[in-house]
Amino acid sequence: MKTLVFLRHGETDWNAQGRYQGQTDILLNDAGRVQAKQAARRWSHTEFDAAIVSPLARANETGRIMLGDRALELVTVEDIKETDGGAWEGLVFTDIAEEWPDEHAAFRLPGLDSGPVGGETPRESGTRTANAVVAALVDADVLVVVSHGNTLRAAAHLLTGRDDEDYATVPRLENCRAHVLQSNTGAFGSFTLTQTSV
């Protein structure tokens, strides 16, 4: 049995302000560090075989806090960083909705093929993330993936192999919450989403 724990990073000031972060490298704030410590306690009884993390600082710090003194290497994987936010990065969502009302509405539906203007779609970032996760599972049975809300949500959906219309049924991840997926084989499209927002 292959198990994935998709953990979103802790809060940043941009999260608190309602700004689209994308791949802009924003640090955790104090609330985010507290959230990461709480996640460490929630997951303290889970024995992970491996841990991979986005190269962005907010995810890296969350992973380091979350794993604490475990004898487990936190491996940085470029392909699990957040969806490229294009022209939306750094803007508050109210301004995005005013400037690009149709694109913003399609993104919020959500739609796998509706992404930030000039950036990636969830399908694009989710596919690169899902492929990286499947590759990391070759040598692990229980893998924690510390990354970002949009790309983790899309990757979770794609790994289940469900229809595109079902994408909206995968809940958005709050800061330092996780989705758990399991598969007998670890193959792309073979996973079941067994727990959400834990």
N, C-alpha and C. Protein backbone atom coordinates (compact mmCIF):
# COMPACT_ATOMS: atom_id res chain seq x y z
N MET A 1 0.84 -1.19 0.00
CA MET A 1 0.00 0.00 0.00
C MET A 1 0.88 1.25 0.00
N LYS A 2 0.59 2.17 -0.89
CA LYS A 2 1.29 3.44 -0.97
C LYS A 2 0.40 4.54 -0.39
N THR A 3 0.97 5.35 0.50
CA THR A 3 0.23 6.42 1.15
C THR A 3 0.92 7.76 0.92
N LEU A 4 0.12 8.74 0.55
CA LEU A 4 0.61 10.10 0.35
C LEU A 4 -0.05 11.02 1.36
N VAL A 5 0.73 11.89 1.97
CA VAL A 5 0.19 12.96 2.80
C VAL A 5 0.57 14.27 2.12
N PHE A 6 -0.42 14.94 1.56
CA PHE A 6 -0.22 16.21 0.86
C PHE A 6 -0.47 17.34 1.85
N LEU A 7 0.60 17.94 2.36
CA LEU A 7 0.50 18.98 3.38
C LEU A 7 0.78 20.35 2.78
N ARG A 8 -0.17 21.26 2.94
CA ARG A 8 0.04 22.64 2.50
C ARG A 8 0.86 23.38 3.55
N HIS A 9 1.68 24.32 3.10
CA HIS A 9 2.52 25.13 3.98
C HIS A 9 1.68 25.96 4.96
N GLY A 10 2.34 26.49 5.99
CA GLY A 10 1.70 27.37 6.95
C GLY A 10 1.43 28.76 6.36
N GLU A 11 0.74 29.56 7.15
CA GLU A 11 0.32 30.88 6.71
C GLU A 11 1.49 31.83 6.49
N THR A 12 1.32 32.70 5.51
CA THR A 12 2.24 33.81 5.25
C THR A 12 1.46 35.11 5.38
N ASP A 13 2.18 36.22 5.39
CA ASP A 13 1.49 37.51 5.41
C ASP A 13 0.62 37.69 4.16
N TRP A 14 1.08 37.20 3.03
CA TRP A 14 0.28 37.32 1.80
C TRP A 14 -0.99 36.49 1.90
N ASN A 15 -0.93 35.31 2.53
CA ASN A 15 -2.17 34.56 2.76
C ASN A 15 -3.14 35.39 3.58
N ALA A 16 -2.63 35.96 4.66
CA ALA A 16 -3.47 36.75 5.56
C ALA A 16 -4.07 37.97 4.86
N GLN A 17 -3.35 38.52 3.90
CA GLN A 17 -3.81 39.70 3.16
C GLN A 17 -4.68 39.35 1.96
N GLY A 18 -4.81 38.05 1.65
CA GLY A 18 -5.59 37.64 0.48
C GLY A 18 -4.89 37.92 -0.82
N ARG A 19 -3.54 37.81 -0.82
CA ARG A 19 -2.76 38.03 -2.04
C ARG A 19 -2.44 36.71 -2.72
N TYR A 20 -2.43 36.72 -4.05
CA TYR A 20 -2.05 35.53 -4.80
C TYR A 20 -0.53 35.40 -4.76
N GLN A 21 -0.04 34.29 -4.22
CA GLN A 21 1.41 34.11 -4.07
C GLN A 21 2.05 33.47 -5.28
N GLY A 22 1.46 32.38 -5.75
CA GLY A 22 2.08 31.66 -6.85
C GLY A 22 3.49 31.24 -6.49
N GLN A 23 4.44 31.54 -7.36
CA GLN A 23 5.83 31.14 -7.13
C GLN A 23 6.67 32.24 -6.50
N THR A 24 6.04 33.35 -6.10
CA THR A 24 6.77 34.37 -5.36
C THR A 24 7.18 33.78 -4.02
N ASP A 25 8.42 34.00 -3.62
CA ASP A 25 8.98 33.31 -2.44
C ASP A 25 8.72 34.14 -1.17
N ILE A 26 7.60 33.86 -0.54
CA ILE A 26 7.17 34.58 0.66
C ILE A 26 7.41 33.67 1.88
N LEU A 27 7.92 34.26 2.96
CA LEU A 27 8.22 33.50 4.17
C LEU A 27 6.96 33.24 5.00
N LEU A 28 7.04 32.23 5.88
CA LEU A 28 5.98 32.02 6.86
C LEU A 28 5.91 33.21 7.80
N ASN A 29 4.74 33.49 8.32
CA ASN A 29 4.62 34.45 9.41
C ASN A 29 4.55 33.66 10.73
N ASP A 30 4.40 34.37 11.85
CA ASP A 30 4.39 33.69 13.14
C ASP A 30 3.23 32.71 13.26
N ALA A 31 2.06 33.09 12.73
CA ALA A 31 0.91 32.18 12.77
C ALA A 31 1.22 30.91 11.97
N GLY A 32 1.91 31.05 10.85
CA GLY A 32 2.28 29.90 10.03
C GLY A 32 3.22 28.96 10.76
N ARG A 33 4.12 29.52 11.55
CA ARG A 33 5.05 28.67 12.32
C ARG A 33 4.30 27.91 13.41
N VAL A 34 3.33 28.56 14.03
CA VAL A 34 2.49 27.87 15.03
C VAL A 34 1.71 26.75 14.35
N GLN A 35 1.15 27.02 13.17
CA GLN A 35 0.41 26.00 12.43
C GLN A 35 1.30 24.80 12.10
N ALA A 36 2.55 25.06 11.71
CA ALA A 36 3.47 23.98 11.39
C ALA A 36 3.77 23.13 12.62
N LYS A 37 3.90 23.75 13.78
CA LYS A 37 4.12 23.01 15.02
C LYS A 37 2.89 22.17 15.37
N GLN A 38 1.71 22.70 15.12
CA GLN A 38 0.49 21.94 15.35
C GLN A 38 0.41 20.75 14.39
N ALA A 39 0.81 20.96 13.15
CA ALA A 39 0.83 19.85 12.18
C ALA A 39 1.82 18.78 12.63
N ALA A 40 2.96 19.20 13.16
CA ALA A 40 3.95 18.24 13.66
C ALA A 40 3.34 17.36 14.74
N ARG A 41 2.55 17.95 15.62
CA ARG A 41 1.90 17.16 16.67
C ARG A 41 0.84 16.22 16.08
N ARG A 42 0.05 16.72 15.13
CA ARG A 42 -0.99 15.90 14.51
C ARG A 42 -0.40 14.66 13.82
N TRP A 43 0.76 14.83 13.20
CA TRP A 43 1.35 13.75 12.41
C TRP A 43 2.49 13.03 13.14
N SER A 44 2.63 13.25 14.43
CA SER A 44 3.77 12.70 15.18
C SER A 44 3.77 11.18 15.24
N HIS A 45 2.62 10.54 15.09
CA HIS A 45 2.56 9.08 15.18
C HIS A 45 2.61 8.40 13.81
N THR A 46 2.74 9.19 12.76
CA THR A 46 2.85 8.63 11.41
C THR A 46 4.32 8.44 11.06
N GLU A 47 4.66 7.25 10.64
CA GLU A 47 6.05 6.96 10.26
C GLU A 47 6.20 7.13 8.74
N PHE A 48 6.81 8.22 8.38
CA PHE A 48 7.06 8.50 6.96
C PHE A 48 8.35 7.82 6.53
N ASP A 49 8.33 7.27 5.30
CA ASP A 49 9.55 6.70 4.70
C ASP A 49 10.38 7.78 4.02
N ALA A 50 9.68 8.80 3.53
CA ALA A 50 10.36 9.84 2.76
C ALA A 50 9.56 11.13 2.85
N ALA A 51 10.27 12.24 2.59
CA ALA A 51 9.64 13.56 2.63
C ALA A 51 10.20 14.40 1.50
N ILE A 52 9.30 15.00 0.71
CA ILE A 52 9.74 15.92 -0.34
C ILE A 52 9.07 17.26 -0.10
N VAL A 53 9.76 18.32 -0.55
CA VAL A 53 9.29 19.67 -0.28
C VAL A 53 9.54 20.57 -1.48
N SER A 54 8.66 21.53 -1.65
CA SER A 54 8.83 22.57 -2.65
C SER A 54 10.07 23.41 -2.32
N PRO A 55 10.72 23.98 -3.33
CA PRO A 55 11.87 24.84 -3.06
C PRO A 55 11.51 26.20 -2.46
N LEU A 56 10.23 26.56 -2.43
CA LEU A 56 9.85 27.86 -1.90
C LEU A 56 9.94 27.86 -0.38
N ALA A 57 10.41 28.97 0.18
CA ALA A 57 10.77 29.06 1.60
C ALA A 57 9.61 28.72 2.53
N ARG A 58 8.39 29.13 2.18
CA ARG A 58 7.26 28.87 3.08
C ARG A 58 7.00 27.38 3.24
N ALA A 59 7.20 26.62 2.19
CA ALA A 59 7.03 25.17 2.27
C ALA A 59 8.22 24.53 2.97
N ASN A 60 9.42 25.00 2.65
CA ASN A 60 10.62 24.42 3.25
C ASN A 60 10.62 24.57 4.77
N GLU A 61 10.28 25.77 5.24
CA GLU A 61 10.26 25.97 6.69
C GLU A 61 9.16 25.14 7.34
N THR A 62 8.01 25.06 6.70
CA THR A 62 6.93 24.21 7.22
C THR A 62 7.41 22.77 7.34
N GLY A 63 8.08 22.27 6.31
CA GLY A 63 8.57 20.89 6.34
C GLY A 63 9.58 20.66 7.44
N ARG A 64 10.51 21.61 7.62
CA ARG A 64 11.52 21.46 8.67
C ARG A 64 10.89 21.45 10.06
N ILE A 65 9.91 22.34 10.28
CA ILE A 65 9.23 22.37 11.57
C ILE A 65 8.41 21.09 11.76
N MET A 66 7.71 20.71 10.71
CA MET A 66 6.82 19.55 10.79
C MET A 66 7.58 18.26 11.08
N LEU A 67 8.73 18.08 10.47
CA LEU A 67 9.51 16.85 10.67
C LEU A 67 10.34 16.89 11.94
N GLY A 68 10.64 18.09 12.43
CA GLY A 68 11.35 18.21 13.70
C GLY A 68 12.65 17.44 13.72
N ASP A 69 12.81 16.60 14.74
CA ASP A 69 14.06 15.86 14.90
C ASP A 69 13.99 14.44 14.33
N ARG A 70 13.02 14.18 13.46
CA ARG A 70 12.97 12.86 12.82
C ARG A 70 14.23 12.64 11.99
N ALA A 71 14.68 11.42 11.94
CA ALA A 71 15.85 11.07 11.13
C ALA A 71 15.39 10.83 9.69
N LEU A 72 14.96 11.90 9.05
CA LEU A 72 14.40 11.80 7.71
C LEU A 72 14.87 13.01 6.91
N GLU A 73 15.45 12.75 5.75
CA GLU A 73 15.93 13.83 4.89
C GLU A 73 14.74 14.50 4.20
N LEU A 74 14.71 15.82 4.24
CA LEU A 74 13.69 16.59 3.54
C LEU A 74 14.27 16.96 2.17
N VAL A 75 13.80 16.29 1.13
CA VAL A 75 14.36 16.43 -0.21
C VAL A 75 13.59 17.51 -0.99
N THR A 76 14.32 18.50 -1.48
CA THR A 76 13.71 19.57 -2.27
C THR A 76 13.48 19.08 -3.70
N VAL A 77 12.24 19.26 -4.18
CA VAL A 77 11.86 18.84 -5.53
C VAL A 77 11.25 20.04 -6.26
N GLU A 78 11.93 20.51 -7.27
CA GLU A 78 11.53 21.70 -8.02
C GLU A 78 10.11 21.57 -8.59
N ASP A 79 9.76 20.38 -9.06
CA ASP A 79 8.48 20.21 -9.75
C ASP A 79 7.25 20.22 -8.87
N ILE A 80 7.42 20.36 -7.55
CA ILE A 80 6.23 20.42 -6.69
C ILE A 80 5.97 21.83 -6.16
N LYS A 81 6.64 22.83 -6.76
CA LYS A 81 6.37 24.20 -6.34
C LYS A 81 4.99 24.62 -6.83
N GLU A 82 4.53 25.76 -6.32
CA GLU A 82 3.18 26.21 -6.60
C GLU A 82 2.96 26.55 -8.07
N THR A 83 1.70 26.59 -8.44
CA THR A 83 1.29 27.02 -9.77
C THR A 83 1.83 28.42 -10.05
N ASP A 84 2.42 28.60 -11.23
CA ASP A 84 2.90 29.91 -11.65
C ASP A 84 1.70 30.85 -11.76
N GLY A 85 1.73 31.94 -10.99
CA GLY A 85 0.60 32.87 -10.94
C GLY A 85 0.59 33.95 -11.98
N GLY A 86 1.60 33.98 -12.87
CA GLY A 86 1.60 34.96 -13.95
C GLY A 86 1.35 36.37 -13.47
N ALA A 87 0.44 37.06 -14.13
CA ALA A 87 0.14 38.47 -13.84
C ALA A 87 -0.55 38.67 -12.49
N TRP A 88 -1.02 37.59 -11.87
CA TRP A 88 -1.77 37.71 -10.62
C TRP A 88 -0.88 37.74 -9.38
N GLU A 89 0.37 37.33 -9.51
CA GLU A 89 1.22 37.23 -8.32
C GLU A 89 1.39 38.59 -7.65
N GLY A 90 1.16 38.61 -6.35
CA GLY A 90 1.29 39.82 -5.55
C GLY A 90 0.02 40.65 -5.45
N LEU A 91 -0.99 40.33 -6.25
CA LEU A 91 -2.23 41.09 -6.23
C LEU A 91 -3.23 40.48 -5.25
N VAL A 92 -4.07 41.32 -4.66
CA VAL A 92 -5.14 40.78 -3.80
C VAL A 92 -6.25 40.27 -4.71
N PHE A 93 -6.98 39.26 -4.21
CA PHE A 93 -7.98 38.60 -5.04
C PHE A 93 -9.10 39.54 -5.47
N THR A 94 -9.43 40.53 -4.66
CA THR A 94 -10.47 41.48 -5.08
C THR A 94 -10.03 42.27 -6.31
N ASP A 95 -8.74 42.64 -6.37
CA ASP A 95 -8.24 43.36 -7.54
C ASP A 95 -8.17 42.45 -8.76
N ILE A 96 -7.81 41.19 -8.54
CA ILE A 96 -7.78 40.22 -9.64
C ILE A 96 -9.18 40.06 -10.23
N ALA A 97 -10.17 39.92 -9.35
CA ALA A 97 -11.55 39.73 -9.81
C ALA A 97 -12.06 40.95 -10.58
N GLU A 98 -11.59 42.14 -10.20
CA GLU A 98 -12.01 43.36 -10.89
C GLU A 98 -11.33 43.49 -12.25
N GLU A 99 -10.03 43.18 -12.30
CA GLU A 99 -9.26 43.32 -13.54
C GLU A 99 -9.55 42.22 -14.56
N TRP A 100 -9.74 40.99 -14.08
CA TRP A 100 -9.97 39.83 -14.94
C TRP A 100 -11.19 39.05 -14.44
N PRO A 101 -12.39 39.61 -14.53
CA PRO A 101 -13.56 38.96 -13.92
C PRO A 101 -13.86 37.57 -14.47
N ASP A 102 -13.78 37.38 -15.78
CA ASP A 102 -14.11 36.08 -16.37
C ASP A 102 -13.06 35.02 -16.01
N GLU A 103 -11.79 35.39 -16.12
CA GLU A 103 -10.71 34.45 -15.82
C GLU A 103 -10.71 34.08 -14.33
N HIS A 104 -10.96 35.06 -13.49
CA HIS A 104 -11.00 34.80 -12.05
C HIS A 104 -12.17 33.88 -11.70
N ALA A 105 -13.33 34.14 -12.28
CA ALA A 105 -14.51 33.30 -12.02
C ALA A 105 -14.26 31.86 -12.46
N ALA A 106 -13.64 31.67 -13.62
CA ALA A 106 -13.35 30.32 -14.11
C ALA A 106 -12.35 29.62 -13.20
N PHE A 107 -11.35 30.37 -12.72
CA PHE A 107 -10.35 29.80 -11.81
C PHE A 107 -10.99 29.37 -10.50
N ARG A 108 -11.93 30.16 -10.00
CA ARG A 108 -12.56 29.88 -8.71
C ARG A 108 -13.63 28.78 -8.79
N LEU A 109 -14.06 28.39 -9.98
CA LEU A 109 -15.12 27.37 -10.09
C LEU A 109 -14.84 26.09 -9.30
N PRO A 110 -13.78 25.41 -9.31
CA PRO A 110 -12.55 25.64 -10.07
C PRO A 110 -12.57 24.86 -11.37
N GLY A 111 -11.70 25.27 -12.28
CA GLY A 111 -11.54 24.54 -13.53
C GLY A 111 -10.10 24.12 -13.70
N LEU A 112 -9.89 22.88 -14.08
CA LEU A 112 -8.52 22.37 -14.25
C LEU A 112 -7.75 23.13 -15.32
N ASP A 113 -8.46 23.67 -16.29
CA ASP A 113 -7.79 24.35 -17.39
C ASP A 113 -7.95 25.87 -17.33
N SER A 114 -8.31 26.38 -16.16
CA SER A 114 -8.47 27.82 -15.96
C SER A 114 -7.49 28.29 -14.91
N GLY A 115 -6.43 28.95 -15.36
CA GLY A 115 -5.40 29.40 -14.44
C GLY A 115 -5.20 30.89 -14.48
N PRO A 116 -4.27 31.39 -13.69
CA PRO A 116 -3.96 32.82 -13.68
C PRO A 116 -3.52 33.30 -15.06
N VAL A 117 -3.85 34.52 -15.38
CA VAL A 117 -3.46 35.11 -16.66
C VAL A 117 -1.94 35.14 -16.76
N GLY A 118 -1.40 34.53 -17.82
CA GLY A 118 0.04 34.49 -18.02
C GLY A 118 0.76 33.46 -17.18
N GLY A 119 0.02 32.64 -16.45
CA GLY A 119 0.63 31.61 -15.60
C GLY A 119 0.26 30.22 -16.05
N GLU A 120 0.28 29.29 -15.11
CA GLU A 120 -0.06 27.89 -15.38
C GLU A 120 -1.52 27.61 -15.04
N THR A 121 -2.04 26.57 -15.65
CA THR A 121 -3.35 26.07 -15.24
C THR A 121 -3.13 25.06 -14.11
N PRO A 122 -4.17 24.78 -13.33
CA PRO A 122 -4.06 23.72 -12.34
C PRO A 122 -3.66 22.37 -12.97
N ARG A 123 -4.16 22.10 -14.17
CA ARG A 123 -3.78 20.83 -14.81
C ARG A 123 -2.27 20.77 -15.06
N GLU A 124 -1.70 21.89 -15.50
CA GLU A 124 -0.26 21.90 -15.78
C GLU A 124 0.56 21.72 -14.50
N SER A 125 0.26 22.51 -13.48
CA SER A 125 1.04 22.38 -12.24
C SER A 125 0.73 21.07 -11.53
N GLY A 126 -0.53 20.66 -11.57
CA GLY A 126 -0.90 19.40 -10.93
C GLY A 126 -0.25 18.19 -11.59
N THR A 127 -0.11 18.24 -12.91
CA THR A 127 0.52 17.12 -13.62
C THR A 127 2.00 17.02 -13.28
N ARG A 128 2.72 18.15 -13.27
CA ARG A 128 4.14 18.07 -12.92
C ARG A 128 4.32 17.63 -11.47
N THR A 129 3.44 18.09 -10.58
CA THR A 129 3.53 17.69 -9.18
C THR A 129 3.21 16.21 -9.02
N ALA A 130 2.14 15.76 -9.64
CA ALA A 130 1.75 14.34 -9.54
C ALA A 130 2.84 13.43 -10.08
N ASN A 131 3.45 13.80 -11.20
CA ASN A 131 4.54 12.98 -11.77
C ASN A 131 5.73 12.92 -10.82
N ALA A 132 6.07 14.04 -10.19
CA ALA A 132 7.18 14.05 -9.23
C ALA A 132 6.88 13.18 -8.02
N VAL A 133 5.64 13.21 -7.58
CA VAL A 133 5.23 12.41 -6.42
C VAL A 133 5.29 10.92 -6.74
N VAL A 134 4.77 10.54 -7.89
CA VAL A 134 4.82 9.13 -8.29
C VAL A 134 6.27 8.65 -8.38
N ALA A 135 7.16 9.49 -8.91
CA ALA A 135 8.58 9.13 -8.99
C ALA A 135 9.18 8.96 -7.59
N ALA A 136 8.79 9.81 -6.64
CA ALA A 136 9.32 9.71 -5.27
C ALA A 136 8.80 8.48 -4.55
N LEU A 137 7.65 7.97 -4.98
CA LEU A 137 7.06 6.79 -4.33
C LEU A 137 7.76 5.49 -4.69
N VAL A 138 8.62 5.52 -5.68
CA VAL A 138 9.33 4.29 -6.09
C VAL A 138 10.08 3.69 -4.91
N ASP A 139 10.67 4.55 -4.08
CA ASP A 139 11.47 4.09 -2.95
C ASP A 139 10.81 4.33 -1.60
N ALA A 140 9.50 4.57 -1.58
CA ALA A 140 8.82 4.87 -0.32
C ALA A 140 7.41 4.29 -0.34
N ASP A 141 6.91 3.97 0.84
CA ASP A 141 5.52 3.53 0.98
C ASP A 141 4.65 4.61 1.62
N VAL A 142 5.24 5.42 2.49
CA VAL A 142 4.50 6.52 3.14
C VAL A 142 5.31 7.80 2.91
N LEU A 143 4.77 8.66 2.06
CA LEU A 143 5.48 9.86 1.61
C LEU A 143 4.72 11.10 2.05
N VAL A 144 5.41 12.03 2.70
CA VAL A 144 4.82 13.34 2.98
C VAL A 144 5.34 14.32 1.94
N VAL A 145 4.40 15.11 1.39
CA VAL A 145 4.70 16.07 0.35
C VAL A 145 4.30 17.44 0.89
N VAL A 146 5.29 18.30 1.15
CA VAL A 146 5.01 19.63 1.70
C VAL A 146 5.09 20.63 0.56
N SER A 147 3.94 21.18 0.22
CA SER A 147 3.88 22.00 -0.98
C SER A 147 2.82 23.09 -0.81
N HIS A 148 2.01 23.29 -1.84
CA HIS A 148 1.15 24.47 -1.94
C HIS A 148 -0.28 24.08 -2.32
N GLY A 149 -1.21 24.92 -1.90
CA GLY A 149 -2.63 24.58 -2.01
C GLY A 149 -3.13 24.27 -3.40
N ASN A 150 -2.84 25.13 -4.37
CA ASN A 150 -3.40 24.93 -5.70
C ASN A 150 -2.82 23.70 -6.39
N THR A 151 -1.51 23.58 -6.36
CA THR A 151 -0.90 22.44 -7.07
C THR A 151 -1.20 21.12 -6.37
N LEU A 152 -1.30 21.12 -5.03
CA LEU A 152 -1.63 19.88 -4.32
C LEU A 152 -3.07 19.45 -4.61
N ARG A 153 -3.97 20.42 -4.65
CA ARG A 153 -5.37 20.09 -4.95
C ARG A 153 -5.49 19.46 -6.33
N ALA A 154 -4.83 20.08 -7.32
CA ALA A 154 -4.90 19.56 -8.69
C ALA A 154 -4.23 18.20 -8.79
N ALA A 155 -3.06 18.04 -8.14
CA ALA A 155 -2.36 16.75 -8.18
C ALA A 155 -3.19 15.66 -7.53
N ALA A 156 -3.83 15.97 -6.41
CA ALA A 156 -4.68 14.98 -5.74
C ALA A 156 -5.78 14.50 -6.67
N HIS A 157 -6.42 15.45 -7.35
CA HIS A 157 -7.48 15.07 -8.28
C HIS A 157 -6.93 14.20 -9.41
N LEU A 158 -5.84 14.63 -10.02
CA LEU A 158 -5.29 13.90 -11.16
C LEU A 158 -4.82 12.50 -10.76
N LEU A 159 -4.27 12.35 -9.57
CA LEU A 159 -3.80 11.03 -9.13
C LEU A 159 -4.93 10.05 -8.93
N THR A 160 -6.16 10.55 -8.68
CA THR A 160 -7.29 9.63 -8.51
C THR A 160 -7.81 9.12 -9.85
N GLY A 161 -7.48 9.82 -10.94
CA GLY A 161 -7.96 9.39 -12.25
C GLY A 161 -9.43 9.67 -12.48
N ARG A 162 -10.04 10.51 -11.65
CA ARG A 162 -11.46 10.81 -11.81
C ARG A 162 -11.67 11.81 -12.94
N ASP A 163 -12.93 11.94 -13.37
CA ASP A 163 -13.28 12.85 -14.46
C ASP A 163 -12.98 14.30 -14.09
N ASP A 164 -12.67 15.10 -15.09
CA ASP A 164 -12.38 16.52 -14.89
C ASP A 164 -13.51 17.23 -14.14
N GLU A 165 -14.75 16.82 -14.41
CA GLU A 165 -15.90 17.47 -13.79
C GLU A 165 -15.91 17.28 -12.27
N ASP A 166 -15.18 16.30 -11.78
CA ASP A 166 -15.14 16.02 -10.34
C ASP A 166 -14.08 16.83 -9.60
N TYR A 167 -13.33 17.66 -10.31
CA TYR A 167 -12.25 18.41 -9.68
C TYR A 167 -12.74 19.24 -8.49
N ALA A 168 -13.90 19.86 -8.63
CA ALA A 168 -14.43 20.72 -7.57
C ALA A 168 -14.75 19.95 -6.29
N THR A 169 -14.83 18.63 -6.36
CA THR A 169 -15.14 17.84 -5.16
C THR A 169 -13.93 17.67 -4.26
N VAL A 170 -12.74 17.97 -4.78
CA VAL A 170 -11.54 17.93 -3.93
C VAL A 170 -11.48 19.25 -3.17
N PRO A 171 -11.58 19.21 -1.84
CA PRO A 171 -11.62 20.47 -1.08
C PRO A 171 -10.32 21.26 -1.19
N ARG A 172 -10.45 22.58 -1.10
CA ARG A 172 -9.26 23.44 -0.99
C ARG A 172 -8.60 23.15 0.35
N LEU A 173 -7.29 23.18 0.36
CA LEU A 173 -6.54 22.95 1.60
C LEU A 173 -6.30 24.28 2.31
N GLU A 174 -6.64 24.32 3.59
CA GLU A 174 -6.27 25.46 4.41
C GLU A 174 -4.79 25.32 4.78
N ASN A 175 -4.21 26.37 5.32
CA ASN A 175 -2.80 26.32 5.70
C ASN A 175 -2.54 25.21 6.71
N CYS A 176 -1.50 24.43 6.43
CA CYS A 176 -1.04 23.32 7.29
C CYS A 176 -2.08 22.23 7.49
N ARG A 177 -2.95 22.06 6.53
CA ARG A 177 -3.87 20.93 6.50
C ARG A 177 -3.45 20.01 5.37
N ALA A 178 -3.91 18.75 5.45
CA ALA A 178 -3.43 17.75 4.51
C ALA A 178 -4.57 16.91 3.92
N HIS A 179 -4.34 16.45 2.71
CA HIS A 179 -5.15 15.41 2.09
C HIS A 179 -4.32 14.13 2.13
N VAL A 180 -4.99 13.00 2.35
CA VAL A 180 -4.32 11.69 2.36
C VAL A 180 -4.86 10.87 1.20
N LEU A 181 -3.95 10.31 0.42
CA LEU A 181 -4.31 9.47 -0.71
C LEU A 181 -3.64 8.11 -0.55
N GLN A 182 -4.31 7.06 -1.02
CA GLN A 182 -3.74 5.71 -0.94
C GLN A 182 -3.96 4.95 -2.24
N SER A 183 -3.02 4.05 -2.52
CA SER A 183 -3.08 3.23 -3.73
C SER A 183 -2.37 1.91 -3.48
N ASN A 184 -2.87 0.85 -4.06
CA ASN A 184 -2.18 -0.44 -3.95
C ASN A 184 -0.90 -0.48 -4.77
N THR A 185 -0.87 0.29 -5.87
CA THR A 185 0.26 0.21 -6.79
C THR A 185 1.13 1.46 -6.81
N GLY A 186 0.56 2.60 -6.48
CA GLY A 186 1.29 3.86 -6.59
C GLY A 186 1.29 4.44 -8.00
N ALA A 187 0.49 3.86 -8.89
CA ALA A 187 0.46 4.33 -10.28
C ALA A 187 -0.40 5.58 -10.42
N PHE A 188 -0.03 6.42 -11.37
CA PHE A 188 -0.80 7.62 -11.70
C PHE A 188 -2.23 7.20 -12.03
N GLY A 189 -3.21 7.83 -11.40
CA GLY A 189 -4.61 7.52 -11.67
C GLY A 189 -5.20 6.41 -10.81
N SER A 190 -4.39 5.81 -9.92
CA SER A 190 -4.87 4.66 -9.14
C SER A 190 -5.19 5.00 -7.68
N PHE A 191 -5.08 6.25 -7.30
CA PHE A 191 -5.21 6.62 -5.89
C PHE A 191 -6.66 6.90 -5.50
N THR A 192 -6.93 6.71 -4.23
CA THR A 192 -8.19 7.10 -3.61
C THR A 192 -7.91 8.17 -2.57
N LEU A 193 -8.70 9.22 -2.60
CA LEU A 193 -8.58 10.28 -1.61
C LEU A 193 -9.30 9.79 -0.36
N THR A 194 -8.54 9.37 0.66
CA THR A 194 -9.13 8.72 1.83
C THR A 194 -9.44 9.66 2.97
N GLN A 195 -8.72 10.77 3.07
CA GLN A 195 -8.98 11.78 4.11
C GLN A 195 -8.73 13.15 3.49
N THR A 196 -9.56 14.11 3.88
CA THR A 196 -9.38 15.47 3.36
C THR A 196 -9.28 16.47 4.50
N SER A 197 -8.43 17.45 4.30
CA SER A 197 -8.29 18.59 5.22
C SER A 197 -8.04 18.18 6.66
N VAL A 198 -7.15 17.20 6.85
CA VAL A 198 -6.82 16.73 8.21
C VAL A 198 -5.53 17.38 8.67
